[in-house]
Amino acid sequence: MITLRWKKFPGADVESYKVYCSILGFKAPILDNVLVDGKTLVLKMNGGDEQEITFDLDSTVIERINADLSGGHAYPNEGDPGYFYLRSDVRVSPGSVEIVSGTALADFGITARMIQEKSEDFALAVVPSAENPDDMVTFEDPDGVCQDWYAVSTLNIHGEESNKSPYKQPITHSGDICVLEGIVTDLQGVRIADSEVTATLVKAPHESMVSSQVTTEPIKTRTGPDGRFSLAVLQGALIRLEIQAVAFDRNVTVPSTSCALVTDLLIDLDYRYPLEYRV
């Protein structure tokens, strides 16, 4: 089970959200044995040799795949019982699933293709926006695992859909998370793409059960084509935030909110320049 939570950004015209998921595998209907009896499915798992699966009347589709396939696994879709997923056992790159051929392709509604990390996705659900902008929007994926990638788009009152957000993998954490948002621009106001943004822990949150589990290794992201970036960090932590492209280097306290603009953050008044700094 993976639970996704996010908050409506202030001022956004959002009626609902569309949730997408990308896995190293594919989704297909669970067919009656009679429909695929004697038909085949040829796969390559994780760059290995071709494997031919021949369906029969004695085993269900899922049972036959799991009996014959090496390097992958089929299991029922809990969110939609009429379907199953076939996944690679290698859940991240360089894992892959190549659908090579087979007489059962049309029955399952799939095509011959290579499936790699984030190469394709499918829509999971449409989730209504929260009426109160302070409330969290929540979606649960009963089939989700931490190696899956998720993206979200928005729908306005006319049903017009935005571009999908960047793919994100679920995170586990030992405290509440704040997503820091920002836009990196140069002196002329031109947005800077592919600029590295780094956060390094200076002081952990006060809760001892949280601070004992916080890594001292920096976390990093890069700005997108529009200069935007987002970075998930622990609420209450004091971090050093660096954006080298614009010489941004400050200590800031992460607020106790689910999201915040970097421009709204308070600079830590206890920050001191290194001793070698000279005016």
C-alpha atoms as a PDB file:
ATOM      1  CA  MET A   1       0.000   0.000   0.000  1.00  0.00           C
ATOM      2  CA  ILE A   2       1.290   3.440  -0.975  1.00  0.00           C
ATOM      3  CA  THR A   3      -0.436   6.574   0.327  1.00  0.00           C
ATOM      4  CA  LEU A   4       0.033   9.822  -1.600  1.00  0.00           C
ATOM      5  CA  ARG A   5      -0.720  13.141   0.069  1.00  0.00           C
ATOM      6  CA  TRP A   6      -0.470  16.660  -1.252  1.00  0.00           C
ATOM      7  CA  LYS A   7      -2.005  20.062  -0.698  1.00  0.00           C
ATOM      8  CA  LYS A   8      -3.685  22.349  -3.203  1.00  0.00           C
ATOM      9  CA  PHE A   9      -1.298  25.194  -3.933  1.00  0.00           C
ATOM     10  CA  PRO A  10      -2.842  28.575  -3.035  1.00  0.00           C
ATOM     11  CA  GLY A  11      -4.540  30.304  -5.970  1.00  0.00           C
ATOM     12  CA  ALA A  12      -4.612  27.225  -8.217  1.00  0.00           C
ATOM     13  CA  ASP A  13      -7.785  26.640 -10.287  1.00  0.00           C
ATOM     14  CA  VAL A  14      -8.185  22.926  -9.577  1.00  0.00           C
ATOM     15  CA  GLU A  15     -11.395  20.897  -9.593  1.00  0.00           C
ATOM     16  CA  SER A  16      -9.728  17.482  -9.320  1.00  0.00           C
ATOM     17  CA  TYR A  17      -6.454  15.614  -9.783  1.00  0.00           C
ATOM     18  CA  LYS A  18      -5.588  12.710 -12.065  1.00  0.00           C
ATOM     19  CA  VAL A  19      -3.112  10.244 -10.561  1.00  0.00           C
ATOM     20  CA  TYR A  20      -0.737   8.274 -12.799  1.00  0.00           C
ATOM     21  CA  CYS A  21       1.579   5.386 -11.975  1.00  0.00           C
ATOM     22  CA  SER A  22       4.568   3.983 -13.853  1.00  0.00           C
ATOM     23  CA  ILE A  23       5.878   0.472 -13.137  1.00  0.00           C
ATOM     24  CA  LEU A  24       8.352  -1.923 -14.722  1.00  0.00           C
ATOM     25  CA  GLY A  25       5.564  -4.008 -16.135  1.00  0.00           C
ATOM     26  CA  PHE A  26       2.076  -3.804 -17.586  1.00  0.00           C
ATOM     27  CA  LYS A  27      -1.583  -4.123 -16.661  1.00  0.00           C
ATOM     28  CA  ALA A  28      -3.901  -6.552 -18.455  1.00  0.00           C
ATOM     29  CA  PRO A  29      -7.369  -8.103 -17.959  1.00  0.00           C
ATOM     30  CA  ILE A  30      -7.777 -11.454 -16.223  1.00  0.00           C
ATOM     31  CA  LEU A  31      -9.246 -13.549 -19.049  1.00  0.00           C
ATOM     32  CA  ASP A  32     -11.213 -16.751 -18.853  1.00  0.00           C
ATOM     33  CA  ASN A  33      -9.077 -19.829 -19.507  1.00  0.00           C
ATOM     34  CA  VAL A  34     -11.231 -20.788 -22.508  1.00  0.00           C
ATOM     35  CA  LEU A  35     -10.414 -17.535 -24.313  1.00  0.00           C
ATOM     36  CA  VAL A  36      -6.635 -18.042 -24.193  1.00  0.00           C
ATOM     37  CA  ASP A  37      -6.423 -21.843 -24.140  1.00  0.00           C
ATOM     38  CA  GLY A  38      -3.428 -22.889 -26.250  1.00  0.00           C
ATOM     39  CA  LYS A  39      -2.370 -19.281 -26.922  1.00  0.00           C
ATOM     40  CA  THR A  40       1.057 -17.898 -26.095  1.00  0.00           C
ATOM     41  CA  LEU A  41       2.849 -14.881 -24.660  1.00  0.00           C
ATOM     42  CA  VAL A  42       6.570 -14.398 -25.307  1.00  0.00           C
ATOM     43  CA  LEU A  43       8.500 -12.126 -22.919  1.00  0.00           C
ATOM     44  CA  LYS A  44      12.052 -11.081 -22.121  1.00  0.00           C
ATOM     45  CA  MET A  45      12.674 -10.144 -18.505  1.00  0.00           C
ATOM     46  CA  ASN A  46      15.511  -7.783 -17.548  1.00  0.00           C
ATOM     47  CA  GLY A  47      17.408  -8.272 -20.810  1.00  0.00           C
ATOM     48  CA  GLY A  48      17.386 -12.076 -20.556  1.00  0.00           C
ATOM     49  CA  ASP A  49      16.371 -14.756 -23.040  1.00  0.00           C
ATOM     50  CA  GLU A  50      12.911 -15.143 -24.568  1.00  0.00           C
ATOM     51  CA  GLN A  51      10.418 -17.022 -22.392  1.00  0.00           C
ATOM     52  CA  GLU A  52       7.243 -18.481 -23.895  1.00  0.00           C
ATOM     53  CA  ILE A  53       4.149 -18.893 -21.730  1.00  0.00           C
ATOM     54  CA  THR A  54       1.427 -21.223 -23.078  1.00  0.00           C
ATOM     55  CA  PHE A  55      -1.977 -20.894 -21.448  1.00  0.00           C
ATOM     56  CA  ASP A  56      -4.228 -23.901 -20.788  1.00  0.00           C
ATOM     57  CA  LEU A  57      -7.534 -24.908 -19.192  1.00  0.00           C
ATOM     58  CA  ASP A  58      -6.005 -26.265 -16.000  1.00  0.00           C
ATOM     59  CA  SER A  59      -4.457 -23.031 -14.633  1.00  0.00           C
ATOM     60  CA  THR A  60      -5.643 -19.462 -14.298  1.00  0.00           C
ATOM     61  CA  VAL A  61      -3.819 -16.803 -16.301  1.00  0.00           C
ATOM     62  CA  ILE A  62      -1.949 -15.648 -13.174  1.00  0.00           C
ATOM     63  CA  GLU A  63      -1.077 -19.202 -12.107  1.00  0.00           C
ATOM     64  CA  ARG A  64       0.293 -20.101 -15.546  1.00  0.00           C
ATOM     65  CA  ILE A  65       2.440 -16.946 -15.780  1.00  0.00           C
ATOM     66  CA  ASN A  66       3.909 -17.466 -12.305  1.00  0.00           C
ATOM     67  CA  ALA A  67       4.613 -21.129 -13.015  1.00  0.00           C
ATOM     68  CA  ASP A  68       6.432 -20.481 -16.302  1.00  0.00           C
ATOM     69  CA  LEU A  69       8.011 -17.035 -15.949  1.00  0.00           C
ATOM     70  CA  SER A  70      11.436 -16.385 -14.452  1.00  0.00           C
ATOM     71  CA  GLY A  71      12.423 -12.835 -13.463  1.00  0.00           C
ATOM     72  CA  GLY A  72       8.864 -11.557 -13.145  1.00  0.00           C
ATOM     73  CA  HIS A  73       5.625 -12.100 -11.305  1.00  0.00           C
ATOM     74  CA  ALA A  74       1.892 -11.659 -11.984  1.00  0.00           C
ATOM     75  CA  TYR A  75      -0.566 -10.718  -9.255  1.00  0.00           C
ATOM     76  CA  PRO A  76      -4.192  -9.508  -8.995  1.00  0.00           C
ATOM     77  CA  ASN A  77      -4.958  -5.811  -9.074  1.00  0.00           C
ATOM     78  CA  GLU A  78      -6.558  -5.013  -5.716  1.00  0.00           C
ATOM     79  CA  GLY A  79      -7.909  -1.688  -6.949  1.00  0.00           C
ATOM     80  CA  ASP A  80      -9.569  -3.272 -10.024  1.00  0.00           C
ATOM     81  CA  PRO A  81     -10.217  -7.012  -9.525  1.00  0.00           C
ATOM     82  CA  GLY A  82     -10.792  -7.613 -13.232  1.00  0.00           C
ATOM     83  CA  TYR A  83      -7.128  -6.938 -14.015  1.00  0.00           C
ATOM     84  CA  PHE A  84      -3.681  -8.180 -13.082  1.00  0.00           C
ATOM     85  CA  TYR A  85      -0.188  -6.675 -13.136  1.00  0.00           C
ATOM     86  CA  LEU A  86       2.872  -8.379 -14.538  1.00  0.00           C
ATOM     87  CA  ARG A  87       6.001  -6.874 -13.004  1.00  0.00           C
ATOM     88  CA  SER A  88       9.704  -7.415 -13.298  1.00  0.00           C
ATOM     89  CA  ASP A  89      11.296  -8.759 -10.124  1.00  0.00           C
ATOM     90  CA  VAL A  90      13.942  -6.055 -10.660  1.00  0.00           C
ATOM     91  CA  ARG A  91      11.814  -3.081  -9.676  1.00  0.00           C
ATOM     92  CA  VAL A  92      14.228  -0.304 -10.730  1.00  0.00           C
ATOM     93  CA  SER A  93      16.568   0.393 -13.661  1.00  0.00           C
ATOM     94  CA  PRO A  94      18.161  -1.585 -15.346  1.00  0.00           C
ATOM     95  CA  GLY A  95      15.163  -3.898 -14.920  1.00  0.00           C
ATOM     96  CA  SER A  96      12.849  -4.171 -17.935  1.00  0.00           C
ATOM     97  CA  VAL A  97       9.958  -6.098 -19.446  1.00  0.00           C
ATOM     98  CA  GLU A  98       9.992  -6.710 -23.191  1.00  0.00           C
ATOM     99  CA  ILE A  99       6.774  -7.980 -24.746  1.00  0.00           C
ATOM    100  CA  VAL A 100       8.184  -9.840 -27.740  1.00  0.00           C
ATOM    101  CA  SER A 101       5.245 -11.617 -29.416  1.00  0.00           C
ATOM    102  CA  GLY A 102       2.536 -14.214 -28.872  1.00  0.00           C
ATOM    103  CA  THR A 103      -0.894 -15.255 -30.092  1.00  0.00           C
ATOM    104  CA  ALA A 104      -2.541 -13.899 -26.922  1.00  0.00           C
ATOM    105  CA  LEU A 105      -1.435 -10.252 -27.346  1.00  0.00           C
ATOM    106  CA  ALA A 106      -4.730  -9.088 -28.858  1.00  0.00           C
ATOM    107  CA  ASP A 107      -6.745 -10.908 -26.183  1.00  0.00           C
ATOM    108  CA  PHE A 108      -4.864  -9.103 -23.419  1.00  0.00           C
ATOM    109  CA  GLY A 109      -4.991  -5.781 -25.285  1.00  0.00           C
ATOM    110  CA  ILE A 110      -1.207  -5.344 -25.217  1.00  0.00           C
ATOM    111  CA  THR A 111       1.344  -4.709 -27.963  1.00  0.00           C
ATOM    112  CA  ALA A 112       4.925  -5.787 -28.540  1.00  0.00           C
ATOM    113  CA  ARG A 113       7.213  -3.219 -26.910  1.00  0.00           C
ATOM    114  CA  MET A 114      10.014  -2.600 -24.431  1.00  0.00           C
ATOM    115  CA  ILE A 115       8.978  -1.309 -20.983  1.00  0.00           C
ATOM    116  CA  GLN A 116      11.698   0.424 -18.975  1.00  0.00           C
ATOM    117  CA  GLU A 117      11.773   2.723 -15.975  1.00  0.00           C
ATOM    118  CA  LYS A 118       9.311   5.601 -16.483  1.00  0.00           C
ATOM    119  CA  SER A 119       8.843   4.679 -20.180  1.00  0.00           C
ATOM    120  CA  GLU A 120       5.045   4.637 -19.855  1.00  0.00           C
ATOM    121  CA  ASP A 121       2.320   5.059 -17.279  1.00  0.00           C
ATOM    122  CA  PHE A 122      -1.381   4.468 -16.746  1.00  0.00           C
ATOM    123  CA  ALA A 123      -4.079   6.472 -15.001  1.00  0.00           C
ATOM    124  CA  LEU A 124      -5.057   5.150 -11.566  1.00  0.00           C
ATOM    125  CA  ALA A 125      -7.835   7.486 -10.471  1.00  0.00           C
ATOM    126  CA  VAL A 126      -9.366  10.960 -10.475  1.00  0.00           C
ATOM    127  CA  VAL A 127      -9.293  12.513  -6.998  1.00  0.00           C
ATOM    128  CA  PRO A 128     -11.476  15.522  -6.053  1.00  0.00           C
ATOM    129  CA  SER A 129      -9.666  18.623  -4.883  1.00  0.00           C
ATOM    130  CA  ALA A 130      -9.998  19.551  -1.212  1.00  0.00           C
ATOM    131  CA  GLU A 131     -12.586  22.280  -0.633  1.00  0.00           C
ATOM    132  CA  ASN A 132     -10.476  23.785   2.127  1.00  0.00           C
ATOM    133  CA  PRO A 133      -7.032  24.744   0.741  1.00  0.00           C
ATOM    134  CA  ASP A 134      -5.530  23.880   4.143  1.00  0.00           C
ATOM    135  CA  ASP A 135      -6.694  20.255   3.898  1.00  0.00           C
ATOM    136  CA  MET A 136      -4.533  17.502   2.438  1.00  0.00           C
ATOM    137  CA  VAL A 137      -5.615  15.587  -0.653  1.00  0.00           C
ATOM    138  CA  THR A 138      -5.091  11.834  -0.123  1.00  0.00           C
ATOM    139  CA  PHE A 139      -4.976   8.885  -2.517  1.00  0.00           C
ATOM    140  CA  GLU A 140      -4.188   5.272  -1.634  1.00  0.00           C
ATOM    141  CA  ASP A 141      -2.770   2.795  -4.147  1.00  0.00           C
ATOM    142  CA  PRO A 142      -3.337  -0.720  -2.736  1.00  0.00           C
ATOM    143  CA  ASP A 143      -0.917  -2.209  -5.301  1.00  0.00           C
ATOM    144  CA  GLY A 144       1.797   0.400  -4.899  1.00  0.00           C
ATOM    145  CA  VAL A 145       5.373  -0.242  -3.827  1.00  0.00           C
ATOM    146  CA  CYS A 146       8.176   2.187  -3.049  1.00  0.00           C
ATOM    147  CA  GLN A 147       9.885   1.488  -6.387  1.00  0.00           C
ATOM    148  CA  ASP A 148       6.874   2.730  -8.397  1.00  0.00           C
ATOM    149  CA  TRP A 149       6.824   6.215  -9.906  1.00  0.00           C
ATOM    150  CA  TYR A 150       3.831   8.541  -9.525  1.00  0.00           C
ATOM    151  CA  ALA A 151       2.741  11.710 -11.297  1.00  0.00           C
ATOM    152  CA  VAL A 152      -0.267  13.981 -10.887  1.00  0.00           C
ATOM    153  CA  SER A 153      -2.069  16.323 -13.289  1.00  0.00           C
ATOM    154  CA  THR A 154      -4.844  18.803 -12.538  1.00  0.00           C
ATOM    155  CA  LEU A 155      -8.307  19.151 -14.057  1.00  0.00           C
ATOM    156  CA  ASN A 156     -10.218  22.441 -13.981  1.00  0.00           C
ATOM    157  CA  ILE A 157     -14.011  22.859 -13.922  1.00  0.00           C
ATOM    158  CA  HIS A 158     -14.092  22.396 -17.711  1.00  0.00           C
ATOM    159  CA  GLY A 159     -12.239  19.087 -17.537  1.00  0.00           C
ATOM    160  CA  GLU A 160      -9.118  20.559 -19.126  1.00  0.00           C
ATOM    161  CA  GLU A 161      -6.028  18.658 -18.012  1.00  0.00           C
ATOM    162  CA  SER A 162      -2.645  20.155 -17.212  1.00  0.00           C
ATOM    163  CA  ASN A 163       0.685  18.552 -17.980  1.00  0.00           C
ATOM    164  CA  LYS A 164       1.654  15.806 -15.561  1.00  0.00           C
ATOM    165  CA  SER A 165       3.988  16.664 -12.715  1.00  0.00           C
ATOM    166  CA  PRO A 166       7.491  15.169 -12.751  1.00  0.00           C
ATOM    167  CA  TYR A 167       7.613  11.493 -11.788  1.00  0.00           C
ATOM    168  CA  LYS A 168       8.216  10.993  -8.069  1.00  0.00           C
ATOM    169  CA  GLN A 169       8.893   7.876  -6.044  1.00  0.00           C
ATOM    170  CA  PRO A 170       7.256   7.473  -2.619  1.00  0.00           C
ATOM    171  CA  ILE A 171       9.355   8.424   0.357  1.00  0.00           C
ATOM    172  CA  THR A 172       9.423   7.094   3.896  1.00  0.00           C
ATOM    173  CA  HIS A 173      10.311   9.487   6.683  1.00  0.00           C
ATOM    174  CA  SER A 174      10.407   9.850  10.429  1.00  0.00           C
ATOM    175  CA  GLY A 175       8.479  13.101  10.642  1.00  0.00           C
ATOM    176  CA  ASP A 176       6.185  15.492   8.807  1.00  0.00           C
ATOM    177  CA  ILE A 177       7.429  16.673   5.427  1.00  0.00           C
ATOM    178  CA  CYS A 178       7.399  20.139   3.859  1.00  0.00           C
ATOM    179  CA  VAL A 179       7.846  20.478   0.097  1.00  0.00           C
ATOM    180  CA  LEU A 180       9.919  23.566  -0.653  1.00  0.00           C
ATOM    181  CA  GLU A 181       9.029  25.174  -3.994  1.00  0.00           C
ATOM    182  CA  GLY A 182      10.939  27.803  -5.933  1.00  0.00           C
ATOM    183  CA  ILE A 183      11.819  29.280  -9.320  1.00  0.00           C
ATOM    184  CA  VAL A 184      15.449  30.020 -10.245  1.00  0.00           C
ATOM    185  CA  THR A 185      16.005  33.036 -12.524  1.00  0.00           C
ATOM    186  CA  ASP A 186      18.936  35.147 -13.599  1.00  0.00           C
ATOM    187  CA  LEU A 187      19.278  38.927 -13.218  1.00  0.00           C
ATOM    188  CA  GLN A 188      17.174  39.484 -16.359  1.00  0.00           C
ATOM    189  CA  GLY A 189      14.364  37.311 -15.054  1.00  0.00           C
ATOM    190  CA  VAL A 190      15.146  34.421 -17.399  1.00  0.00           C
ATOM    191  CA  ARG A 191      14.383  31.080 -15.809  1.00  0.00           C
ATOM    192  CA  ILE A 192      17.348  28.754 -15.403  1.00  0.00           C
ATOM    193  CA  ALA A 193      16.823  25.093 -16.280  1.00  0.00           C
ATOM    194  CA  ASP A 194      18.820  22.107 -14.971  1.00  0.00           C
ATOM    195  CA  SER A 195      20.275  24.036 -12.036  1.00  0.00           C
ATOM    196  CA  GLU A 196      21.273  21.999  -8.975  1.00  0.00           C
ATOM    197  CA  VAL A 197      19.527  22.728  -5.661  1.00  0.00           C
ATOM    198  CA  THR A 198      21.062  21.231  -2.500  1.00  0.00           C
ATOM    199  CA  ALA A 199      19.798  20.977   1.081  1.00  0.00           C
ATOM    200  CA  THR A 200      22.174  19.966   3.886  1.00  0.00           C
ATOM    201  CA  LEU A 201      21.124  19.335   7.482  1.00  0.00           C
ATOM    202  CA  VAL A 202      22.479  21.890   9.952  1.00  0.00           C
ATOM    203  CA  LYS A 203      20.236  21.063  12.901  1.00  0.00           C
ATOM    204  CA  ALA A 204      17.649  18.276  13.150  1.00  0.00           C
ATOM    205  CA  PRO A 205      14.094  18.846  14.402  1.00  0.00           C
ATOM    206  CA  HIS A 206      13.778  18.959  18.184  1.00  0.00           C
ATOM    207  CA  GLU A 207      12.014  15.602  18.563  1.00  0.00           C
ATOM    208  CA  SER A 208      14.670  13.107  19.622  1.00  0.00           C
ATOM    209  CA  MET A 209      12.933  10.189  17.890  1.00  0.00           C
ATOM    210  CA  VAL A 210      13.167  12.156  14.641  1.00  0.00           C
ATOM    211  CA  SER A 211      16.631  13.668  14.934  1.00  0.00           C
ATOM    212  CA  SER A 212      18.275  10.317  15.640  1.00  0.00           C
ATOM    213  CA  GLN A 213      17.187   9.050  12.228  1.00  0.00           C
ATOM    214  CA  VAL A 214      18.074  12.042  10.042  1.00  0.00           C
ATOM    215  CA  THR A 215      20.943  11.638   7.593  1.00  0.00           C
ATOM    216  CA  THR A 216      23.697  14.232   7.418  1.00  0.00           C
ATOM    217  CA  GLU A 217      24.172  13.561   3.705  1.00  0.00           C
ATOM    218  CA  PRO A 218      22.880  16.395   1.483  1.00  0.00           C
ATOM    219  CA  ILE A 219      19.818  15.851  -0.698  1.00  0.00           C
ATOM    220  CA  LYS A 220      19.678  17.303  -4.190  1.00  0.00           C
ATOM    221  CA  THR A 221      17.320  18.076  -7.037  1.00  0.00           C
ATOM    222  CA  ARG A 222      17.509  20.043 -10.307  1.00  0.00           C
ATOM    223  CA  THR A 223      15.291  22.727 -11.765  1.00  0.00           C
ATOM    224  CA  GLY A 224      12.971  21.763 -14.597  1.00  0.00           C
ATOM    225  CA  PRO A 225      12.737  23.383 -18.049  1.00  0.00           C
ATOM    226  CA  ASP A 226      10.719  26.233 -16.519  1.00  0.00           C
ATOM    227  CA  GLY A 227      13.244  26.858 -13.732  1.00  0.00           C
ATOM    228  CA  ARG A 228      10.965  25.377 -11.062  1.00  0.00           C
ATOM    229  CA  PHE A 229      12.117  22.968  -8.381  1.00  0.00           C
ATOM    230  CA  SER A 230      10.646  21.164  -5.382  1.00  0.00           C
ATOM    231  CA  LEU A 231      12.470  19.534  -2.506  1.00  0.00           C
ATOM    232  CA  ALA A 232      10.892  17.434   0.283  1.00  0.00           C
ATOM    233  CA  VAL A 233      12.498  18.024   3.691  1.00  0.00           C
ATOM    234  CA  LEU A 234      11.582  17.493   7.354  1.00  0.00           C
ATOM    235  CA  GLN A 235       9.480  20.152   9.012  1.00  0.00           C
ATOM    236  CA  GLY A 236      11.344  21.972  11.764  1.00  0.00           C
ATOM    237  CA  ALA A 237      14.813  21.145  10.438  1.00  0.00           C
ATOM    238  CA  LEU A 238      17.432  23.852  10.019  1.00  0.00           C
ATOM    239  CA  ILE A 239      18.988  23.334   6.588  1.00  0.00           C
ATOM    240  CA  ARG A 240      21.624  24.978   4.448  1.00  0.00           C
ATOM    241  CA  LEU A 241      19.965  25.649   1.079  1.00  0.00           C
ATOM    242  CA  GLU A 242      22.305  26.169  -1.873  1.00  0.00           C
ATOM    243  CA  ILE A 243      21.572  27.139  -5.477  1.00  0.00           C
ATOM    244  CA  GLN A 244      24.979  27.630  -7.050  1.00  0.00           C
ATOM    245  CA  ALA A 245      23.694  29.063 -10.342  1.00  0.00           C
ATOM    246  CA  VAL A 246      22.482  32.201  -8.555  1.00  0.00           C
ATOM    247  CA  ALA A 247      24.932  32.155  -5.605  1.00  0.00           C
ATOM    248  CA  PHE A 248      22.108  31.396  -3.171  1.00  0.00           C
ATOM    249  CA  ASP A 249      23.570  29.977   0.054  1.00  0.00           C
ATOM    250  CA  ARG A 250      21.538  30.441   3.224  1.00  0.00           C
ATOM    251  CA  ASN A 251      20.527  28.643   6.383  1.00  0.00           C
ATOM    252  CA  VAL A 252      16.748  28.435   6.652  1.00  0.00           C
ATOM    253  CA  THR A 253      14.300  26.808   9.053  1.00  0.00           C
ATOM    254  CA  VAL A 254      11.795  24.520   7.356  1.00  0.00           C
ATOM    255  CA  PRO A 255       8.272  25.651   8.361  1.00  0.00           C
ATOM    256  CA  SER A 256       5.597  23.392   9.870  1.00  0.00           C
ATOM    257  CA  THR A 257       3.488  23.378   6.703  1.00  0.00           C
ATOM    258  CA  SER A 258       3.072  20.821   3.929  1.00  0.00           C
ATOM    259  CA  CYS A 259       4.467  23.228   1.318  1.00  0.00           C
ATOM    260  CA  ALA A 260       6.222  26.587   1.238  1.00  0.00           C
ATOM    261  CA  LEU A 261       7.837  28.984  -1.200  1.00  0.00           C
ATOM    262  CA  VAL A 262      11.562  29.419  -0.680  1.00  0.00           C
ATOM    263  CA  THR A 263      11.121  33.181  -0.984  1.00  0.00           C
ATOM    264  CA  ASP A 264       8.853  33.123   2.081  1.00  0.00           C
ATOM    265  CA  LEU A 265      11.321  31.305   4.345  1.00  0.00           C
ATOM    266  CA  LEU A 266      12.927  33.111   7.256  1.00  0.00           C
ATOM    267  CA  ILE A 267      16.714  33.309   7.195  1.00  0.00           C
ATOM    268  CA  ASP A 268      18.347  31.903  10.334  1.00  0.00           C
ATOM    269  CA  LEU A 269      19.625  34.878  12.322  1.00  0.00           C
ATOM    270  CA  ASP A 270      22.342  32.762  13.938  1.00  0.00           C
ATOM    271  CA  TYR A 271      24.026  32.128  10.578  1.00  0.00           C
ATOM    272  CA  ARG A 272      27.671  33.197  10.474  1.00  0.00           C
ATOM    273  CA  TYR A 273      29.871  33.564   7.432  1.00  0.00           C
ATOM    274  CA  PRO A 274      32.997  31.396   7.399  1.00  0.00           C
ATOM    275  CA  LEU A 275      36.015  32.939   9.144  1.00  0.00           C
ATOM    276  CA  GLU A 276      37.864  33.385   5.864  1.00  0.00           C
ATOM    277  CA  TYR A 277      35.107  35.674   4.548  1.00  0.00           C
ATOM    278  CA  ARG A 278      36.257  39.256   4.038  1.00  0.00           C
ATOM    279  CA  VAL A 279      34.270  42.340   3.040  1.00  0.00           C
END
